[in-house]
Amino acid sequence: MQSIKTKLKVNNYQKTILTKHAGVACHAYNWGLVYCITEYESRQKRPSAITLHKRLVRDVKSKNPWYYEVSKCAPQQALRDLERAFKNFLTIPKRGFPKFKKKGKKDSFYLI
C-alpha cells in the first residue's frame, strides 16, 4: 500500500470545520474508551465498534447537538480505531493500554 502526504490550503471557515471534525472524533474516542474500561472491568468483555456507535447515538448525540455539525464518519472511524487499539492491547502482549486523546495534540480524523 502506498500513501500520499498532501498539504491543504484552507481558509478560516474550512479550518473551523476541520477542527470540529477532529474534536468530535477525539470526544467519541475518549467517551468510548471510558465505556470500554467500565464494560471490561464489570463483565470482562470488550464492546464492538457497532455497539459503541449505537450507545453513542443513543446517549451522547442527544445531549451534544454539535455532533450533528460534522460528518457521521468521523466518530464512527474513531470508535473503529478504539476497538482495534483495545483488541491489540488484549491480544498482543507488548501493546500498551489505549491512551486518551488530548485536544491539540496530533489532532486527526478519517472520513471514509
C-alpha atoms as a PDB file:
ATOM      1  CA  MET A   1       0.000   0.000   0.000  1.00  0.00           C
ATOM      2  CA  GLN A   2       1.201   3.484  -0.820  1.00  0.00           C
ATOM      3  CA  SER A   3       0.347   6.676   0.982  1.00  0.00           C
ATOM      4  CA  ILE A   4       0.464  10.226  -0.239  1.00  0.00           C
ATOM      5  CA  LYS A   5       1.058  13.218   2.003  1.00  0.00           C
ATOM      6  CA  THR A   6      -0.704  16.373   0.886  1.00  0.00           C
ATOM      7  CA  LYS A   7      -0.737  19.845   2.383  1.00  0.00           C
ATOM      8  CA  LEU A   8      -4.084  21.585   2.232  1.00  0.00           C
ATOM      9  CA  LYS A   9      -4.504  25.311   1.811  1.00  0.00           C
ATOM     10  CA  VAL A  10      -7.669  26.064   3.739  1.00  0.00           C
ATOM     11  CA  ASN A  11      -9.459  29.288   4.602  1.00  0.00           C
ATOM     12  CA  ASN A  12     -10.728  30.123   8.101  1.00  0.00           C
ATOM     13  CA  TYR A  13     -14.165  28.543   7.556  1.00  0.00           C
ATOM     14  CA  GLN A  14     -12.642  25.283   6.320  1.00  0.00           C
ATOM     15  CA  LYS A  15     -10.145  25.296   9.189  1.00  0.00           C
ATOM     16  CA  THR A  16     -13.048  25.603  11.647  1.00  0.00           C
ATOM     17  CA  ILE A  17     -14.873  22.676  10.053  1.00  0.00           C
ATOM     18  CA  LEU A  18     -11.735  20.506  10.128  1.00  0.00           C
ATOM     19  CA  THR A  19     -11.156  21.399  13.784  1.00  0.00           C
ATOM     20  CA  LYS A  20     -14.752  20.458  14.620  1.00  0.00           C
ATOM     21  CA  HIS A  21     -14.317  17.075  12.927  1.00  0.00           C
ATOM     22  CA  ALA A  22     -11.129  16.410  14.879  1.00  0.00           C
ATOM     23  CA  GLY A  23     -12.812  17.480  18.120  1.00  0.00           C
ATOM     24  CA  VAL A  24     -15.805  15.204  17.611  1.00  0.00           C
ATOM     25  CA  ALA A  25     -13.527  12.281  16.742  1.00  0.00           C
ATOM     26  CA  CYS A  26     -11.465  12.923  19.887  1.00  0.00           C
ATOM     27  CA  HIS A  27     -14.568  13.184  22.065  1.00  0.00           C
ATOM     28  CA  ALA A  28     -16.056   9.978  20.644  1.00  0.00           C
ATOM     29  CA  TYR A  29     -12.767   8.104  21.151  1.00  0.00           C
ATOM     30  CA  ASN A  30     -12.401   9.266  24.763  1.00  0.00           C
ATOM     31  CA  TRP A  31     -16.057   8.553  25.566  1.00  0.00           C
ATOM     32  CA  GLY A  32     -15.715   5.095  24.019  1.00  0.00           C
ATOM     33  CA  LEU A  33     -12.535   4.386  25.974  1.00  0.00           C
ATOM     34  CA  VAL A  34     -14.279   5.195  29.261  1.00  0.00           C
ATOM     35  CA  TYR A  35     -17.182   2.952  28.259  1.00  0.00           C
ATOM     36  CA  CYS A  36     -14.794   0.124  27.241  1.00  0.00           C
ATOM     37  CA  ILE A  37     -12.947   0.354  30.555  1.00  0.00           C
ATOM     38  CA  THR A  38     -16.151   0.113  32.603  1.00  0.00           C
ATOM     39  CA  GLU A  39     -17.515  -2.754  30.486  1.00  0.00           C
ATOM     40  CA  TYR A  40     -14.260  -4.681  30.661  1.00  0.00           C
ATOM     41  CA  GLU A  41     -13.970  -4.224  34.438  1.00  0.00           C
ATOM     42  CA  SER A  42     -17.558  -5.292  35.073  1.00  0.00           C
ATOM     43  CA  ARG A  43     -18.097  -8.099  32.535  1.00  0.00           C
ATOM     44  CA  GLN A  44     -14.630  -8.944  31.133  1.00  0.00           C
ATOM     45  CA  LYS A  45     -15.929  -8.241  27.618  1.00  0.00           C
ATOM     46  CA  ARG A  46     -14.907  -5.577  25.204  1.00  0.00           C
ATOM     47  CA  PRO A  47     -17.716  -3.933  23.225  1.00  0.00           C
ATOM     48  CA  SER A  48     -17.531  -3.823  19.440  1.00  0.00           C
ATOM     49  CA  ALA A  49     -17.397  -0.602  17.431  1.00  0.00           C
ATOM     50  CA  ILE A  50     -21.006  -1.150  16.343  1.00  0.00           C
ATOM     51  CA  THR A  51     -22.171  -1.455  19.943  1.00  0.00           C
ATOM     52  CA  LEU A  52     -20.201   1.646  20.870  1.00  0.00           C
ATOM     53  CA  HIS A  53     -21.711   3.594  17.987  1.00  0.00           C
ATOM     54  CA  LYS A  54     -25.258   2.591  18.952  1.00  0.00           C
ATOM     55  CA  ARG A  55     -24.624   3.747  22.532  1.00  0.00           C
ATOM     56  CA  LEU A  56     -23.021   6.948  21.261  1.00  0.00           C
ATOM     57  CA  VAL A  57     -26.067   7.805  19.158  1.00  0.00           C
ATOM     58  CA  ARG A  58     -28.463   6.968  21.983  1.00  0.00           C
ATOM     59  CA  ASP A  59     -26.649   8.588  24.902  1.00  0.00           C
ATOM     60  CA  VAL A  60     -24.193  11.201  23.660  1.00  0.00           C
ATOM     61  CA  LYS A  61     -25.546  12.671  20.442  1.00  0.00           C
ATOM     62  CA  SER A  62     -28.874  13.558  22.019  1.00  0.00           C
ATOM     63  CA  LYS A  63     -27.090  15.629  24.690  1.00  0.00           C
ATOM     64  CA  ASN A  64     -24.492  17.189  22.380  1.00  0.00           C
ATOM     65  CA  PRO A  65     -26.027  18.866  19.317  1.00  0.00           C
ATOM     66  CA  TRP A  66     -22.587  19.818  17.971  1.00  0.00           C
ATOM     67  CA  TYR A  67     -22.170  16.175  16.894  1.00  0.00           C
ATOM     68  CA  TYR A  68     -24.637  16.939  14.089  1.00  0.00           C
ATOM     69  CA  GLU A  69     -22.474  19.750  12.695  1.00  0.00           C
ATOM     70  CA  VAL A  70     -19.926  17.279  11.317  1.00  0.00           C
ATOM     71  CA  SER A  71     -19.928  14.130   9.236  1.00  0.00           C
ATOM     72  CA  LYS A  72     -21.056  10.925  10.910  1.00  0.00           C
ATOM     73  CA  CYS A  73     -17.917   9.206   9.610  1.00  0.00           C
ATOM     74  CA  ALA A  74     -15.528  10.998  11.988  1.00  0.00           C
ATOM     75  CA  PRO A  75     -16.871   9.466  15.243  1.00  0.00           C
ATOM     76  CA  GLN A  76     -17.549   6.111  13.578  1.00  0.00           C
ATOM     77  CA  GLN A  77     -13.944   5.761  12.460  1.00  0.00           C
ATOM     78  CA  ALA A  78     -12.687   6.919  15.868  1.00  0.00           C
ATOM     79  CA  LEU A  79     -14.691   4.111  17.502  1.00  0.00           C
ATOM     80  CA  ARG A  80     -13.302   1.601  14.983  1.00  0.00           C
ATOM     81  CA  ASP A  81      -9.789   2.761  15.860  1.00  0.00           C
ATOM     82  CA  LEU A  82     -10.598   2.377  19.549  1.00  0.00           C
ATOM     83  CA  GLU A  83     -11.890  -1.153  19.010  1.00  0.00           C
ATOM     84  CA  ARG A  84      -8.659  -2.073  17.195  1.00  0.00           C
ATOM     85  CA  ALA A  85      -6.497  -0.467  19.913  1.00  0.00           C
ATOM     86  CA  PHE A  86      -8.362  -2.246  22.719  1.00  0.00           C
ATOM     87  CA  LYS A  87      -8.233  -5.562  20.837  1.00  0.00           C
ATOM     88  CA  ASN A  88      -4.487  -5.170  20.269  1.00  0.00           C
ATOM     89  CA  PHE A  89      -3.991  -4.421  23.960  1.00  0.00           C
ATOM     90  CA  LEU A  90      -5.771  -7.636  24.918  1.00  0.00           C
ATOM     91  CA  THR A  91      -4.238  -9.936  22.292  1.00  0.00           C
ATOM     92  CA  ILE A  92      -0.706  -8.616  21.676  1.00  0.00           C
ATOM     93  CA  PRO A  93       1.441  -8.854  24.824  1.00  0.00           C
ATOM     94  CA  LYS A  94       3.714  -5.851  24.191  1.00  0.00           C
ATOM     95  CA  ARG A  95       0.939  -3.442  23.273  1.00  0.00           C
ATOM     96  CA  GLY A  96       0.123  -0.841  25.877  1.00  0.00           C
ATOM     97  CA  PHE A  97      -3.273   0.224  27.119  1.00  0.00           C
ATOM     98  CA  PRO A  98      -5.075   2.685  24.782  1.00  0.00           C
ATOM     99  CA  LYS A  99      -4.444   6.270  25.811  1.00  0.00           C
ATOM    100  CA  PHE A 100      -6.924   9.118  25.934  1.00  0.00           C
ATOM    101  CA  LYS A 101      -6.644  11.665  23.146  1.00  0.00           C
ATOM    102  CA  LYS A 102      -5.766  15.240  24.055  1.00  0.00           C
ATOM    103  CA  LYS A 103      -7.064  18.337  22.330  1.00  0.00           C
ATOM    104  CA  GLY A 104      -4.417  19.974  20.174  1.00  0.00           C
ATOM    105  CA  LYS A 105      -2.025  17.002  20.269  1.00  0.00           C
ATOM    106  CA  LYS A 106      -1.853  15.242  16.896  1.00  0.00           C
ATOM    107  CA  ASP A 107      -5.483  16.062  16.091  1.00  0.00           C
ATOM    108  CA  SER A 108      -6.693  13.780  13.322  1.00  0.00           C
ATOM    109  CA  PHE A 109      -9.776  12.093  11.902  1.00  0.00           C
ATOM    110  CA  TYR A 110     -10.793   9.901   8.995  1.00  0.00           C
ATOM    111  CA  LEU A 111     -13.605  10.383   6.503  1.00  0.00           C
ATOM    112  CA  ILE A 112     -14.434   7.231   4.598  1.00  0.00           C
END
